[in-house]
């Protein structure tokens, strides 16, 4: 019992971080309420998000109090179960197609997106693997094995298709390899190849107007309108154009809660404004100040992860914090970036703010893992 109270005290010592986390979840409620204000089909979404937040904080507490060393021991099993679930989404009567992607699994009344939990299982597994291969971290064989373990969930999620979610795995891989101390050229060369591939796709699609076999038609169209939003203004370019209008029309102060015309009148697509396009909703309602405050809060969470990584009791704890930070950073960068025309429009939610029970609970579980690294930076008992 004394150990439990000491651990709770450890969580309490990160009180400012907890306040920011709660503030983001509160902002989520108000933003989702605004986005679904006149949408009868989503009238229960704000209350549902609060329920998900309550469940998520319960998971956060359980994970935070659990020694991360125990979670590492079962991480290979969690990884294999996660891969099996990603395969399961394609099994008839088990997987479910939602918005054109096989991304959900239904077990009776329970439905969830396995990819969101697989990201956390993958981080745990990668940390475990890099600890096991710590003495061979400079060897290319270690890096190659890490890539293989990353490609498996990446391809399975990409097949759904869910390009936005799939894009999270490799940044996590590169960041954790870098933090583990691998040779820098094992990271720089693949990144250079990715940059070259993006440049090639730009010329292939935008300049030469050629098809790309491995991309769906709608994905190809999104790339084309990213480079030229004037194309198909009433179709594929609609989301980015309306996002920019919503953010610009909010000005410095914003139009007020539930007063944004782009949001309330449905110019921002109603099926995504409460989820992937939640940032323009915040920008229109609360203006530049509200949007900046949201970014600062997200940035604070990322800095907290780095703070914990720097003060972890061992290298594997630091790797876990770096992995979670990279996952969240990728979500924040891509989600906000696609609404301001920095990256192409893709389906990826904003951590702690976008609507979605599975995603919110997974994010809070990830923060619970970081909190576990923080709490257990001191020895409480032998693991």
Protein backbone atom coordinates (compact mmCIF):
# COMPACT_ATOMS: atom_id res chain seq x y z
CA UNK A 1 0.00 0.00 0.00
CA UNK A 2 2.88 2.35 0.81
CA UNK A 3 4.35 1.68 -2.65
CA UNK A 4 1.01 2.51 -4.27
CA UNK A 5 0.83 5.86 -2.49
CA UNK A 6 4.43 6.64 -3.45
CA UNK A 7 3.58 5.92 -7.08
CA UNK A 8 0.49 8.11 -6.90
CA UNK A 9 2.72 10.80 -5.46
CA UNK A 10 5.00 10.35 -8.45
CA UNK A 11 2.04 10.94 -10.77
CA UNK A 12 1.07 13.97 -8.71
CA UNK A 13 4.54 15.43 -9.17
CA UNK A 14 3.69 15.86 -12.88
CA UNK A 15 0.64 17.96 -12.04
CA UNK A 16 1.24 20.68 -14.71
CA UNK A 17 1.40 17.99 -17.39
CA UNK A 18 -1.87 16.50 -16.17
CA UNK A 19 -3.55 19.91 -16.31
CA UNK A 20 -2.50 20.33 -19.96
CA UNK A 21 -3.77 16.84 -20.77
CA UNK A 22 -7.14 17.57 -19.15
CA UNK A 23 -7.30 20.94 -20.91
CA UNK A 24 -6.86 19.26 -24.31
CA UNK A 25 -9.64 16.79 -23.54
CA UNK A 26 -11.89 19.67 -22.42
CA UNK A 27 -11.08 21.55 -25.64
CA UNK A 28 -12.06 18.40 -27.52
CA UNK A 29 -15.55 18.50 -26.00
CA UNK A 30 -16.15 22.12 -27.01
CA UNK A 31 -14.72 21.67 -30.50
CA UNK A 32 -16.74 18.52 -31.18
CA UNK A 33 -19.89 20.21 -29.83
CA UNK A 34 -19.36 23.07 -32.27
CA UNK A 35 -18.67 20.70 -35.18
CA UNK A 36 -21.80 18.62 -34.53
CA UNK A 37 -24.04 21.47 -33.35
CA UNK A 38 -26.66 21.13 -36.11
CA UNK A 39 -25.93 17.53 -37.08
CA UNK A 40 -28.74 15.31 -35.79
CA UNK A 41 -26.78 12.13 -36.59
CA UNK A 42 -23.92 13.17 -34.30
CA UNK A 43 -25.83 14.86 -31.51
CA UNK A 44 -24.43 12.38 -28.95
CA UNK A 45 -20.80 12.74 -30.09
CA UNK A 46 -19.68 15.30 -27.45
CA UNK A 47 -21.07 13.23 -24.56
CA UNK A 48 -19.55 10.08 -26.05
CA UNK A 49 -16.19 11.80 -26.19
CA UNK A 50 -16.44 12.61 -22.48
CA UNK A 51 -17.16 8.95 -21.75
CA UNK A 52 -14.18 7.91 -23.84
CA UNK A 53 -12.03 10.44 -21.97
CA UNK A 54 -13.13 8.99 -18.60
CA UNK A 55 -12.31 5.48 -19.78
CA UNK A 56 -9.02 6.71 -21.23
CA UNK A 57 -7.93 8.33 -17.97
CA UNK A 58 -8.75 5.10 -16.12
CA UNK A 59 -6.48 3.23 -18.56
CA UNK A 60 -3.89 6.00 -18.16
CA UNK A 61 -3.84 5.47 -14.39
CA UNK A 62 -3.55 1.67 -14.65
CA UNK A 63 -0.71 1.85 -17.17
CA UNK A 64 1.07 4.59 -15.20
CA UNK A 65 1.05 2.48 -12.04
CA UNK A 66 2.24 -0.64 -13.88
CA UNK A 67 6.04 -0.97 -14.07
CA UNK A 68 6.95 -0.56 -17.72
CA UNK A 69 9.46 -3.41 -17.34
CA UNK A 70 6.51 -5.79 -16.96
CA UNK A 71 4.89 -4.43 -20.12
CA UNK A 72 8.18 -4.89 -21.97
CA UNK A 73 8.27 -8.57 -21.02
CA UNK A 74 4.95 -9.24 -22.76
CA UNK A 75 5.60 -6.85 -25.66
CA UNK A 76 6.42 -9.63 -28.20
CA UNK A 77 3.03 -11.18 -27.44
CA UNK A 78 1.30 -7.80 -27.73
CA UNK A 79 3.00 -7.21 -31.09
CA UNK A 80 1.92 -10.61 -32.46
CA UNK A 81 -1.64 -10.12 -31.20
CA UNK A 82 -1.66 -6.69 -32.82
CA UNK A 83 -0.54 -8.11 -36.18
CA UNK A 84 -3.21 -10.81 -35.90
CA UNK A 85 -5.85 -8.13 -35.28
CA UNK A 86 -4.66 -6.17 -38.32
CA UNK A 87 -5.15 -9.31 -40.37
CA UNK A 88 -8.51 -9.87 -38.70
CA UNK A 89 -10.00 -6.68 -40.12
CA UNK A 90 -10.07 -8.38 -43.53
CA UNK A 91 -11.94 -11.46 -42.24
CA UNK A 92 -15.67 -11.41 -43.15
CA UNK A 93 -18.07 -10.96 -40.20
CA UNK A 94 -15.14 -9.87 -38.00
CA UNK A 95 -13.75 -6.84 -39.78
CA UNK A 96 -15.95 -3.93 -40.81
CA UNK A 97 -15.53 -1.45 -43.64
CA UNK A 98 -15.97 2.16 -42.46
CA UNK A 99 -15.57 5.15 -44.80
CA UNK A 100 -14.07 2.90 -47.46
CA UNK A 101 -11.43 1.26 -45.23
CA UNK A 102 -11.34 -2.11 -43.50
CA UNK A 103 -10.12 -0.67 -40.22
CA UNK A 104 -12.59 -1.86 -37.58
CA UNK A 105 -13.10 -5.13 -35.72
CA UNK A 106 -16.45 -5.97 -34.14
CA UNK A 107 -16.74 -8.54 -31.35
CA UNK A 108 -20.42 -8.57 -30.42
CA UNK A 109 -21.33 -5.07 -29.20
CA UNK A 110 -17.65 -4.08 -28.96
CA UNK A 111 -16.05 -2.27 -31.87
CA UNK A 112 -12.54 -0.82 -32.08
CA UNK A 113 -9.75 0.14 -34.47
CA UNK A 114 -6.86 -2.26 -33.82
CA UNK A 115 -4.33 -0.06 -35.64
CA UNK A 116 -4.49 2.53 -32.84
CA UNK A 117 -3.47 0.00 -30.19
CA UNK A 118 -0.96 -1.69 -32.50
CA UNK A 119 1.05 1.55 -32.58
CA UNK A 120 1.51 1.32 -28.81
CA UNK A 121 2.29 -2.41 -28.95
CA UNK A 122 4.82 -1.66 -31.67
CA UNK A 123 6.57 0.97 -29.53
CA UNK A 124 6.83 -1.47 -26.62
CA UNK A 125 8.10 -4.23 -28.90
CA UNK A 126 10.68 -1.99 -30.57
CA UNK A 127 11.99 -0.86 -27.17
CA UNK A 128 12.24 -4.50 -26.07
CA UNK A 129 14.00 -5.49 -29.30
CA UNK A 130 16.50 -2.63 -29.12
CA UNK A 131 17.32 -3.55 -25.53
CA UNK A 132 17.91 -7.18 -26.52
CA UNK A 133 20.11 -6.07 -29.43
CA UNK A 134 21.81 -3.28 -27.48
CA UNK A 135 25.32 -4.63 -28.09
CA UNK A 136 24.61 -5.04 -31.83
CA UNK A 137 22.90 -1.67 -32.30
CA UNK A 138 25.68 -0.53 -34.65
CA UNK A 139 25.19 -3.56 -36.92
CA UNK A 140 23.14 -3.24 -40.09
CA UNK A 141 21.45 -6.57 -39.29
CA UNK A 142 19.80 -4.97 -36.24
CA UNK A 143 18.54 -2.04 -38.30
CA UNK A 144 17.29 -4.39 -41.03
CA UNK A 145 15.38 -6.49 -38.50
CA UNK A 146 13.83 -3.30 -37.09
CA UNK A 147 12.74 -2.27 -40.58
CA UNK A 148 11.16 -5.69 -41.20
CA UNK A 149 9.21 -5.49 -37.94
CA UNK A 150 8.03 -2.03 -39.00
CA UNK A 151 7.07 -2.99 -42.54
CA UNK A 152 4.64 -5.70 -41.36
CA UNK A 153 2.14 -3.41 -39.53
CA UNK A 154 2.83 -0.63 -42.05
CA UNK A 155 1.74 -2.76 -45.03
CA UNK A 156 -1.25 -4.25 -43.20
CA UNK A 157 -2.55 -0.79 -42.26
CA UNK A 158 -1.78 0.54 -45.74
CA UNK A 159 -3.85 -2.28 -47.23
CA UNK A 160 -6.97 -1.17 -45.29
CA UNK A 161 -6.30 1.49 -46.83
CA UNK A 162 -5.32 3.96 -44.10
CA UNK A 163 -2.30 5.87 -45.40
CA UNK A 164 -2.36 8.45 -42.60
CA UNK A 165 -2.22 5.85 -39.83
CA UNK A 166 0.36 3.76 -41.70
CA UNK A 167 2.62 6.79 -42.07
CA UNK A 168 3.21 6.87 -38.30
CA UNK A 169 5.22 3.63 -38.03
CA UNK A 170 8.44 4.55 -39.84
CA UNK A 171 9.00 7.90 -38.04
CA UNK A 172 8.72 5.98 -34.77
CA UNK A 173 11.22 3.41 -36.06
CA UNK A 174 13.77 6.02 -37.15
CA UNK A 175 13.43 8.04 -33.93
CA UNK A 176 13.87 5.00 -31.68
CA UNK A 177 16.83 3.74 -33.70
CA UNK A 178 18.44 7.18 -33.41
CA UNK A 179 17.81 7.31 -29.65
CA UNK A 180 19.22 3.80 -29.29
CA UNK A 181 22.48 4.94 -30.87
CA UNK A 182 22.52 3.31 -34.28
CA UNK A 183 24.79 4.61 -37.03
CA UNK A 184 23.41 7.87 -38.36
CA UNK A 185 23.73 6.90 -42.03
CA UNK A 186 21.31 4.03 -41.46
CA UNK A 187 18.71 6.74 -40.82
CA UNK A 188 19.86 9.49 -43.19
CA UNK A 189 20.04 7.28 -46.30
CA UNK A 190 16.43 5.96 -46.01
CA UNK A 191 15.19 9.49 -45.32
CA UNK A 192 17.04 10.72 -48.41
CA UNK A 193 15.43 7.94 -50.45
CA UNK A 194 11.99 8.95 -49.14
CA UNK A 195 12.67 12.58 -50.07
CA UNK A 196 13.73 11.43 -53.54
CA UNK A 197 10.61 9.31 -53.88
CA UNK A 198 8.40 12.26 -52.91
CA UNK A 199 10.15 14.46 -55.47
CA UNK A 200 9.69 11.79 -58.13
CA UNK A 201 5.99 11.41 -57.29
CA UNK A 202 5.61 15.18 -57.54
CA UNK A 203 6.96 15.24 -61.08
CA UNK A 204 5.23 12.00 -62.05
CA UNK A 205 1.79 13.15 -60.86
CA UNK A 206 1.83 16.93 -61.10
CA UNK A 207 4.22 17.66 -63.95
CA UNK A 208 3.94 14.57 -66.14
CA UNK A 209 0.32 13.72 -65.13
CA UNK A 210 0.98 9.97 -64.93
CA UNK A 211 -0.88 7.37 -62.77
CA UNK A 212 0.73 5.70 -59.75
CA UNK A 213 -0.09 1.93 -59.58
CA UNK A 214 0.25 1.53 -55.81
CA UNK A 215 -2.06 4.47 -54.99
CA UNK A 216 -5.85 4.43 -55.05
CA UNK A 217 -7.53 6.92 -57.36
CA UNK A 218 -8.73 9.08 -54.46
CA UNK A 219 -5.22 9.10 -52.93
CA UNK A 220 -3.72 10.15 -56.26
CA UNK A 221 -6.33 12.89 -56.60
CA UNK A 222 -5.47 14.19 -53.12
CA UNK A 223 -1.82 14.52 -54.13
CA UNK A 224 -2.77 16.39 -57.29
CA UNK A 225 -4.99 18.89 -55.50
CA UNK A 226 -2.34 19.35 -52.80
CA UNK A 227 0.00 20.75 -55.44
CA UNK A 228 -2.82 22.72 -57.11
CA UNK A 229 -5.90 23.43 -54.90
CA UNK A 230 -7.59 25.15 -57.85
CA UNK A 231 -8.22 21.71 -59.36
CA UNK A 232 -11.69 20.29 -58.68
CA UNK A 233 -12.79 23.02 -56.26
CA UNK A 234 -16.16 21.35 -55.73
CA UNK A 235 -14.61 17.92 -55.19
CA UNK A 236 -11.19 16.82 -53.97
CA UNK A 237 -10.02 20.41 -53.29
CA UNK A 238 -13.11 21.26 -51.25
CA UNK A 239 -11.70 20.18 -47.88
CA UNK A 240 -8.41 22.05 -48.09
CA UNK A 241 -10.02 25.20 -49.48
CA UNK A 242 -12.72 25.27 -46.81
CA UNK A 243 -10.15 24.52 -44.09
CA UNK A 244 -8.10 27.53 -45.15
CA UNK A 245 -11.23 29.72 -45.31
CA UNK A 246 -12.31 28.60 -41.83
CA UNK A 247 -8.89 29.27 -40.31
CA UNK A 248 -8.55 32.65 -42.04
CA UNK A 249 -12.06 33.83 -41.23
CA UNK A 250 -11.52 33.19 -37.52
CA UNK A 251 -9.09 36.10 -37.36
CA UNK A 252 -7.35 36.82 -34.08
CA UNK A 253 -10.28 36.45 -31.68
CA UNK A 254 -12.51 33.96 -33.51
CA UNK A 255 -16.23 34.11 -34.25
CA UNK A 256 -17.23 32.55 -30.95
CA UNK A 257 -18.17 29.07 -29.83
CA UNK A 258 -20.69 27.46 -32.24
CA UNK A 259 -20.70 30.64 -34.30
CA UNK A 260 -18.38 29.55 -37.11
CA UNK A 261 -20.32 29.63 -40.38
CA UNK A 262 -17.93 27.27 -42.19
CA UNK A 263 -18.51 24.70 -39.46
CA UNK A 264 -22.15 25.18 -38.52
CA UNK A 265 -23.41 25.54 -42.09
CA UNK A 266 -21.51 22.47 -43.22
CA UNK A 267 -18.98 24.00 -45.59
CA UNK A 268 -16.42 22.03 -43.65
CA UNK A 269 -17.54 18.44 -44.42
CA UNK A 270 -19.74 17.24 -41.57
CA UNK A 271 -18.33 13.72 -41.67
CA UNK A 272 -14.77 14.95 -40.96
CA UNK A 273 -15.08 18.35 -39.23
CA UNK A 274 -15.44 16.70 -35.81
CA UNK A 275 -12.55 14.33 -36.45
CA UNK A 276 -9.73 14.86 -38.95
CA UNK A 277 -10.62 18.53 -39.60
CA UNK A 278 -11.12 19.55 -35.99
CA UNK A 279 -8.28 22.12 -36.09
CA UNK A 280 -10.10 24.48 -38.52
CA UNK A 281 -13.12 24.27 -36.21
CA UNK A 282 -10.98 25.52 -33.32
CA UNK A 283 -9.41 28.21 -35.53
CA UNK A 284 -12.76 29.53 -36.75
CA UNK A 285 -14.43 29.56 -33.33
CA UNK A 286 -11.53 30.75 -31.20
CA UNK A 287 -9.30 32.46 -33.75
CA UNK A 288 -5.53 32.55 -33.94
CA UNK A 289 -5.24 32.73 -30.15
CA UNK A 290 -7.29 29.58 -29.65
CA UNK A 291 -5.45 27.68 -32.39
CA UNK A 292 -2.07 28.82 -31.03
CA UNK A 293 -3.06 27.77 -27.51
CA UNK A 294 -4.01 24.34 -28.84
CA UNK A 295 -0.65 23.97 -30.58
CA UNK A 296 1.18 25.10 -27.43
CA UNK A 297 -0.67 22.49 -25.37
CA UNK A 298 0.18 19.75 -27.87
CA UNK A 299 3.78 20.95 -27.90
CA UNK A 300 3.88 20.86 -24.11
CA UNK A 301 2.88 17.19 -24.17
CA UNK A 302 5.69 16.47 -26.64
CA UNK A 303 8.23 18.35 -24.50
CA UNK A 304 7.06 16.44 -21.44
CA UNK A 305 7.81 13.16 -23.25
CA UNK A 306 11.34 14.39 -24.01
CA UNK A 307 11.76 15.55 -20.40
CA UNK A 308 10.82 12.07 -19.17
CA UNK A 309 13.14 10.44 -21.74
CA UNK A 310 16.05 12.55 -20.47
CA UNK A 311 15.38 11.51 -16.86
CA UNK A 312 14.46 7.85 -17.35
CA UNK A 313 16.24 5.38 -15.09
CA UNK A 314 17.40 3.28 -18.06
CA UNK A 315 17.78 3.48 -21.81
CA UNK A 316 14.73 1.36 -22.55
CA UNK A 317 12.54 3.79 -20.59
CA UNK A 318 13.96 6.65 -22.65
CA UNK A 319 13.21 4.71 -25.84
CA UNK A 320 9.58 4.27 -24.80
CA UNK A 321 9.16 8.00 -24.14
CA UNK A 322 10.83 8.87 -27.47
CA UNK A 323 8.58 6.41 -29.31
CA UNK A 324 5.41 7.89 -27.82
CA UNK A 325 6.62 11.44 -28.49
CA UNK A 326 7.31 10.61 -32.15
CA UNK A 327 3.92 8.98 -32.59
CA UNK A 328 2.13 12.03 -31.18
CA UNK A 329 4.34 14.48 -33.09
CA UNK A 330 3.59 12.74 -36.40
CA UNK A 331 -0.14 12.94 -35.70
CA UNK A 332 0.03 16.60 -34.72
CA UNK A 333 2.25 17.61 -37.64
CA UNK A 334 0.27 15.76 -40.32
CA UNK A 335 -3.18 16.64 -38.95
CA UNK A 336 -2.52 20.36 -38.60
CA UNK A 337 -0.29 20.42 -41.67
CA UNK A 338 -2.98 19.03 -43.96
CA UNK A 339 -5.40 21.79 -42.92
CA UNK A 340 -2.92 24.54 -43.81
CA UNK A 341 -1.67 22.92 -47.04
CA UNK A 342 1.69 21.74 -45.71
CA UNK A 343 0.97 18.05 -46.41
CA UNK A 344 -1.73 16.37 -48.54
CA UNK A 345 -5.13 15.70 -47.00
CA UNK A 346 -5.12 12.31 -45.30
CA UNK A 347 -7.16 10.63 -42.62
CA UNK A 348 -5.24 11.14 -39.39
CA UNK A 349 -6.73 12.56 -36.16
CA UNK A 350 -5.36 15.20 -33.79
CA UNK A 351 -4.27 13.68 -30.44
CA UNK A 352 -6.66 14.22 -27.51
CA UNK A 353 -8.89 16.55 -29.57
CA UNK A 354 -10.35 14.68 -32.55
CA UNK A 355 -13.43 12.56 -31.99
CA UNK A 356 -12.82 8.83 -31.63
CA UNK A 357 -12.96 6.47 -28.67
CA UNK A 358 -10.27 4.02 -29.75
CA UNK A 359 -7.84 6.78 -30.68
CA UNK A 360 -8.39 8.81 -27.51
CA UNK A 361 -8.02 5.80 -25.23
CA UNK A 362 -4.89 4.69 -27.11
CA UNK A 363 -3.36 8.17 -26.79
CA UNK A 364 -4.09 8.31 -23.06
CA UNK A 365 -2.69 4.79 -22.66
CA UNK A 366 0.47 5.98 -24.44
CA UNK A 367 0.73 8.89 -22.01
CA UNK A 368 0.22 6.41 -19.19
CA UNK A 369 3.26 4.54 -20.52
CA UNK A 370 5.33 7.74 -20.44
CA UNK A 371 4.03 8.42 -16.94
CA UNK A 372 5.10 4.90 -15.92
CA UNK A 373 8.64 5.72 -17.07
CA UNK A 374 8.48 8.89 -14.97
CA UNK A 375 7.02 7.24 -11.89
CA UNK A 376 9.36 4.24 -12.01
CA UNK A 377 12.52 6.27 -12.53
CA UNK A 378 12.99 5.40 -8.86
CA UNK A 379 13.19 1.82 -7.59
CA UNK A 380 10.01 0.75 -5.78
CA UNK A 381 10.48 -2.99 -5.90
CA UNK A 382 12.47 -5.57 -7.77
CA UNK A 383 10.82 -6.42 -11.12
